[in-house]
Amino acid sequence: VAQAMVTQLGMSEVVGQRLVGQQQGGGGPFMGRDFMSGSGPPVSQSLRSAVDAEVKRIVDEQYKRGVSLLKGNKALLDALADKLMEQEK
């Protein structure tokens, strides 16, 4: 999902709103797509590195966010687990 956010959907301030790589599919000549071939423009090694770094940043941030949400709601999750265990008996 993070890879698609960066390379296909333009959801990265670092990479910008462009199609990165040789993605297949519809969309016409939008977001950097060549009208005739249907694929994205050639990608430099520095852009690939930037994409990889941005994907890693997104995944790491969301992992930390998920852990924080779980830890912050541990009491609620434990209460929910206890209630489910009672109902399963």
N, C-alpha and C. Protein backbone atom coordinates (compact mmCIF):
# COMPACT_ATOMS: atom_id res chain seq x y z
N VAL A 1 0.83 -1.18 0.00
CA VAL A 1 0.00 0.00 0.00
C VAL A 1 0.88 1.25 0.00
N ALA A 2 1.92 1.25 0.85
CA ALA A 2 2.82 2.41 0.92
C ALA A 2 3.52 2.61 -0.42
N GLN A 3 3.91 1.53 -1.06
CA GLN A 3 4.56 1.61 -2.37
C GLN A 3 3.63 2.27 -3.38
N ALA A 4 2.37 1.86 -3.40
CA ALA A 4 1.39 2.44 -4.32
C ALA A 4 1.13 3.90 -3.99
N MET A 5 1.11 4.24 -2.71
CA MET A 5 0.90 5.62 -2.30
C MET A 5 1.97 6.53 -2.91
N VAL A 6 3.21 6.05 -2.91
CA VAL A 6 4.33 6.87 -3.39
C VAL A 6 4.45 6.82 -4.91
N THR A 7 4.37 5.62 -5.50
CA THR A 7 4.69 5.46 -6.92
C THR A 7 3.51 5.66 -7.86
N GLN A 8 2.28 5.47 -7.39
CA GLN A 8 1.14 5.53 -8.29
C GLN A 8 0.15 6.63 -7.95
N LEU A 9 0.00 6.94 -6.67
CA LEU A 9 -1.06 7.86 -6.26
C LEU A 9 -0.57 9.27 -5.96
N GLY A 10 0.74 9.50 -6.00
CA GLY A 10 1.27 10.83 -5.77
C GLY A 10 1.07 11.35 -4.37
N MET A 11 1.08 10.46 -3.38
CA MET A 11 0.82 10.85 -2.00
C MET A 11 2.10 11.04 -1.20
N SER A 12 3.12 11.61 -1.83
CA SER A 12 4.39 11.84 -1.16
C SER A 12 4.89 13.23 -1.50
N GLU A 13 5.23 14.01 -0.48
CA GLU A 13 5.79 15.33 -0.73
C GLU A 13 7.20 15.23 -1.28
N VAL A 14 7.92 14.18 -0.93
CA VAL A 14 9.30 14.00 -1.39
C VAL A 14 9.33 13.67 -2.87
N VAL A 15 8.55 12.69 -3.29
CA VAL A 15 8.55 12.23 -4.68
C VAL A 15 7.64 13.10 -5.54
N GLY A 16 6.56 13.57 -4.99
CA GLY A 16 5.64 14.43 -5.73
C GLY A 16 4.56 13.64 -6.43
N GLN A 17 3.75 14.35 -7.18
CA GLN A 17 2.63 13.73 -7.87
C GLN A 17 3.06 13.30 -9.26
N ARG A 18 3.59 12.10 -9.32
CA ARG A 18 4.01 11.55 -10.60
C ARG A 18 3.96 10.03 -10.53
N LEU A 19 3.87 9.42 -11.68
CA LEU A 19 3.93 7.97 -11.79
C LEU A 19 5.40 7.59 -11.85
N VAL A 20 5.79 6.66 -10.99
CA VAL A 20 7.19 6.25 -10.93
C VAL A 20 7.29 4.79 -11.32
N GLY A 21 8.13 4.47 -12.28
CA GLY A 21 8.35 3.09 -12.68
C GLY A 21 7.51 2.70 -13.86
N GLN A 22 7.62 1.45 -14.22
CA GLN A 22 6.95 0.91 -15.39
C GLN A 22 5.63 0.26 -14.98
N GLN A 23 4.70 1.05 -14.50
CA GLN A 23 3.41 0.54 -14.06
C GLN A 23 2.50 0.34 -15.27
N GLN A 24 1.77 -0.73 -15.30
CA GLN A 24 0.83 -1.00 -16.40
C GLN A 24 -0.57 -0.62 -15.94
N GLY A 25 -1.43 -0.34 -16.90
CA GLY A 25 -2.82 -0.06 -16.57
C GLY A 25 -3.32 1.17 -17.28
N GLY A 26 -4.53 1.55 -16.96
CA GLY A 26 -5.17 2.68 -17.61
C GLY A 26 -4.67 4.00 -17.07
N GLY A 27 -5.36 5.05 -17.44
CA GLY A 27 -5.01 6.35 -16.92
C GLY A 27 -4.60 7.34 -17.99
N GLY A 28 -4.30 6.86 -19.19
CA GLY A 28 -3.94 7.77 -20.26
C GLY A 28 -2.67 8.54 -19.98
N PRO A 29 -2.52 9.71 -20.58
CA PRO A 29 -1.28 10.47 -20.44
C PRO A 29 -1.25 11.34 -19.19
N PHE A 30 -1.66 10.81 -18.07
CA PHE A 30 -1.71 11.58 -16.84
C PHE A 30 -0.65 11.10 -15.87
N MET A 31 -0.22 11.98 -15.00
CA MET A 31 0.79 11.71 -13.97
C MET A 31 2.06 11.13 -14.58
N GLY A 32 2.52 11.68 -15.68
CA GLY A 32 3.80 11.29 -16.25
C GLY A 32 3.75 10.10 -17.17
N ARG A 33 2.57 9.57 -17.45
CA ARG A 33 2.45 8.39 -18.30
C ARG A 33 2.62 8.76 -19.77
N ASP A 34 3.33 7.96 -20.49
CA ASP A 34 3.50 8.16 -21.93
C ASP A 34 2.22 7.70 -22.62
N PHE A 35 1.67 8.54 -23.50
CA PHE A 35 0.39 8.24 -24.12
C PHE A 35 0.44 6.97 -24.97
N MET A 36 1.51 6.75 -25.70
CA MET A 36 1.58 5.61 -26.61
C MET A 36 1.93 4.30 -25.92
N SER A 37 2.86 4.32 -24.98
CA SER A 37 3.30 3.05 -24.39
C SER A 37 2.51 2.66 -23.15
N GLY A 38 1.90 3.61 -22.47
CA GLY A 38 1.11 3.29 -21.28
C GLY A 38 1.95 3.05 -20.04
N SER A 39 3.26 3.27 -20.12
CA SER A 39 4.10 3.07 -18.95
C SER A 39 4.70 4.39 -18.52
N GLY A 40 5.28 4.39 -17.33
CA GLY A 40 5.87 5.61 -16.81
C GLY A 40 7.21 5.89 -17.46
N PRO A 41 7.74 7.09 -17.22
CA PRO A 41 9.04 7.45 -17.77
C PRO A 41 10.15 6.67 -17.09
N PRO A 42 11.35 6.63 -17.69
CA PRO A 42 12.48 5.94 -17.05
C PRO A 42 12.76 6.55 -15.67
N VAL A 43 13.28 5.73 -14.76
CA VAL A 43 13.50 6.17 -13.39
C VAL A 43 14.98 6.11 -13.07
N SER A 44 15.52 7.21 -12.53
CA SER A 44 16.92 7.25 -12.14
C SER A 44 17.14 6.50 -10.83
N GLN A 45 18.38 6.15 -10.57
CA GLN A 45 18.71 5.45 -9.34
C GLN A 45 18.44 6.33 -8.12
N SER A 46 18.68 7.63 -8.25
CA SER A 46 18.43 8.53 -7.11
C SER A 46 16.94 8.62 -6.81
N LEU A 47 16.10 8.61 -7.84
CA LEU A 47 14.65 8.63 -7.61
C LEU A 47 14.19 7.31 -7.00
N ARG A 48 14.76 6.20 -7.45
CA ARG A 48 14.42 4.90 -6.84
C ARG A 48 14.79 4.89 -5.36
N SER A 49 15.96 5.45 -5.04
CA SER A 49 16.38 5.51 -3.64
C SER A 49 15.43 6.39 -2.83
N ALA A 50 15.01 7.51 -3.42
CA ALA A 50 14.08 8.40 -2.74
C ALA A 50 12.74 7.71 -2.50
N VAL A 51 12.27 6.95 -3.49
CA VAL A 51 11.02 6.21 -3.35
C VAL A 51 11.15 5.17 -2.24
N ASP A 52 12.25 4.42 -2.24
CA ASP A 52 12.46 3.41 -1.21
C ASP A 52 12.50 4.03 0.19
N ALA A 53 13.20 5.17 0.31
CA ALA A 53 13.29 5.85 1.60
C ALA A 53 11.92 6.35 2.05
N GLU A 54 11.14 6.87 1.12
CA GLU A 54 9.82 7.39 1.44
C GLU A 54 8.87 6.26 1.85
N VAL A 55 8.93 5.14 1.15
CA VAL A 55 8.11 3.98 1.52
C VAL A 55 8.48 3.49 2.91
N LYS A 56 9.77 3.40 3.18
CA LYS A 56 10.23 2.97 4.51
C LYS A 56 9.75 3.94 5.58
N ARG A 57 9.83 5.24 5.31
CA ARG A 57 9.39 6.24 6.28
C ARG A 57 7.90 6.08 6.58
N ILE A 58 7.09 5.90 5.55
CA ILE A 58 5.65 5.74 5.74
C ILE A 58 5.34 4.49 6.56
N VAL A 59 5.97 3.39 6.21
CA VAL A 59 5.73 2.13 6.93
C VAL A 59 6.16 2.25 8.39
N ASP A 60 7.35 2.83 8.62
CA ASP A 60 7.84 2.99 10.00
C ASP A 60 6.93 3.89 10.83
N GLU A 61 6.48 5.01 10.23
CA GLU A 61 5.59 5.92 10.95
C GLU A 61 4.28 5.24 11.32
N GLN A 62 3.71 4.51 10.37
CA GLN A 62 2.42 3.87 10.63
C GLN A 62 2.54 2.70 11.60
N TYR A 63 3.68 2.02 11.58
CA TYR A 63 3.91 0.95 12.56
C TYR A 63 3.95 1.56 13.97
N LYS A 64 4.71 2.66 14.12
CA LYS A 64 4.80 3.33 15.43
C LYS A 64 3.43 3.82 15.87
N ARG A 65 2.66 4.35 14.91
CA ARG A 65 1.31 4.83 15.23
C ARG A 65 0.42 3.67 15.70
N GLY A 66 0.50 2.54 15.02
CA GLY A 66 -0.29 1.37 15.40
C GLY A 66 0.06 0.86 16.78
N VAL A 67 1.36 0.77 17.07
CA VAL A 67 1.80 0.31 18.40
C VAL A 67 1.32 1.28 19.47
N SER A 68 1.43 2.57 19.18
CA SER A 68 0.99 3.59 20.14
C SER A 68 -0.51 3.49 20.41
N LEU A 69 -1.30 3.29 19.36
CA LEU A 69 -2.75 3.14 19.54
C LEU A 69 -3.08 1.90 20.37
N LEU A 70 -2.40 0.80 20.09
CA LEU A 70 -2.66 -0.42 20.86
C LEU A 70 -2.27 -0.25 22.33
N LYS A 71 -1.10 0.35 22.58
CA LYS A 71 -0.66 0.58 23.96
C LYS A 71 -1.59 1.55 24.68
N GLY A 72 -2.01 2.60 23.98
CA GLY A 72 -2.88 3.60 24.59
C GLY A 72 -4.27 3.08 24.90
N ASN A 73 -4.69 2.05 24.22
CA ASN A 73 -6.02 1.49 24.44
C ASN A 73 -5.97 0.09 25.03
N LYS A 74 -4.85 -0.24 25.69
CA LYS A 74 -4.67 -1.58 26.24
C LYS A 74 -5.78 -1.95 27.24
N ALA A 75 -6.16 -1.01 28.09
CA ALA A 75 -7.21 -1.30 29.08
C ALA A 75 -8.52 -1.64 28.38
N LEU A 76 -8.87 -0.90 27.34
CA LEU A 76 -10.10 -1.19 26.60
C LEU A 76 -10.01 -2.54 25.89
N LEU A 77 -8.86 -2.83 25.31
CA LEU A 77 -8.69 -4.11 24.62
C LEU A 77 -8.76 -5.28 25.59
N ASP A 78 -8.16 -5.11 26.78
CA ASP A 78 -8.23 -6.17 27.79
C ASP A 78 -9.66 -6.38 28.26
N ALA A 79 -10.41 -5.28 28.44
CA ALA A 79 -11.81 -5.40 28.86
C ALA A 79 -12.63 -6.08 27.77
N LEU A 80 -12.36 -5.74 26.53
CA LEU A 80 -13.06 -6.38 25.42
C LEU A 80 -12.73 -7.87 25.36
N ALA A 81 -11.47 -8.21 25.53
CA ALA A 81 -11.07 -9.62 25.51
C ALA A 81 -11.74 -10.39 26.64
N ASP A 82 -11.80 -9.78 27.84
CA ASP A 82 -12.47 -10.44 28.97
C ASP A 82 -13.95 -10.67 28.68
N LYS A 83 -14.61 -9.66 28.11
CA LYS A 83 -16.04 -9.78 27.79
C LYS A 83 -16.27 -10.88 26.76
N LEU A 84 -15.41 -10.93 25.74
CA LEU A 84 -15.53 -11.97 24.73
C LEU A 84 -15.31 -13.36 25.32
N MET A 85 -14.37 -13.47 26.22
CA MET A 85 -14.11 -14.77 26.87
C MET A 85 -15.32 -15.20 27.70
N GLU A 86 -15.97 -14.25 28.37
CA GLU A 86 -17.16 -14.58 29.15
C GLU A 86 -18.29 -15.07 28.25
N GLN A 87 -18.46 -14.43 27.11
CA GLN A 87 -19.54 -14.79 26.21
C GLN A 87 -19.27 -16.11 25.49
N GLU A 88 -18.03 -16.51 25.37
CA GLU A 88 -17.68 -17.75 24.70
C GLU A 88 -17.92 -18.98 25.59
N LYS A 89 -18.06 -18.76 26.89
CA LYS A 89 -18.26 -19.89 27.80
C LYS A 89 -19.62 -20.48 27.67
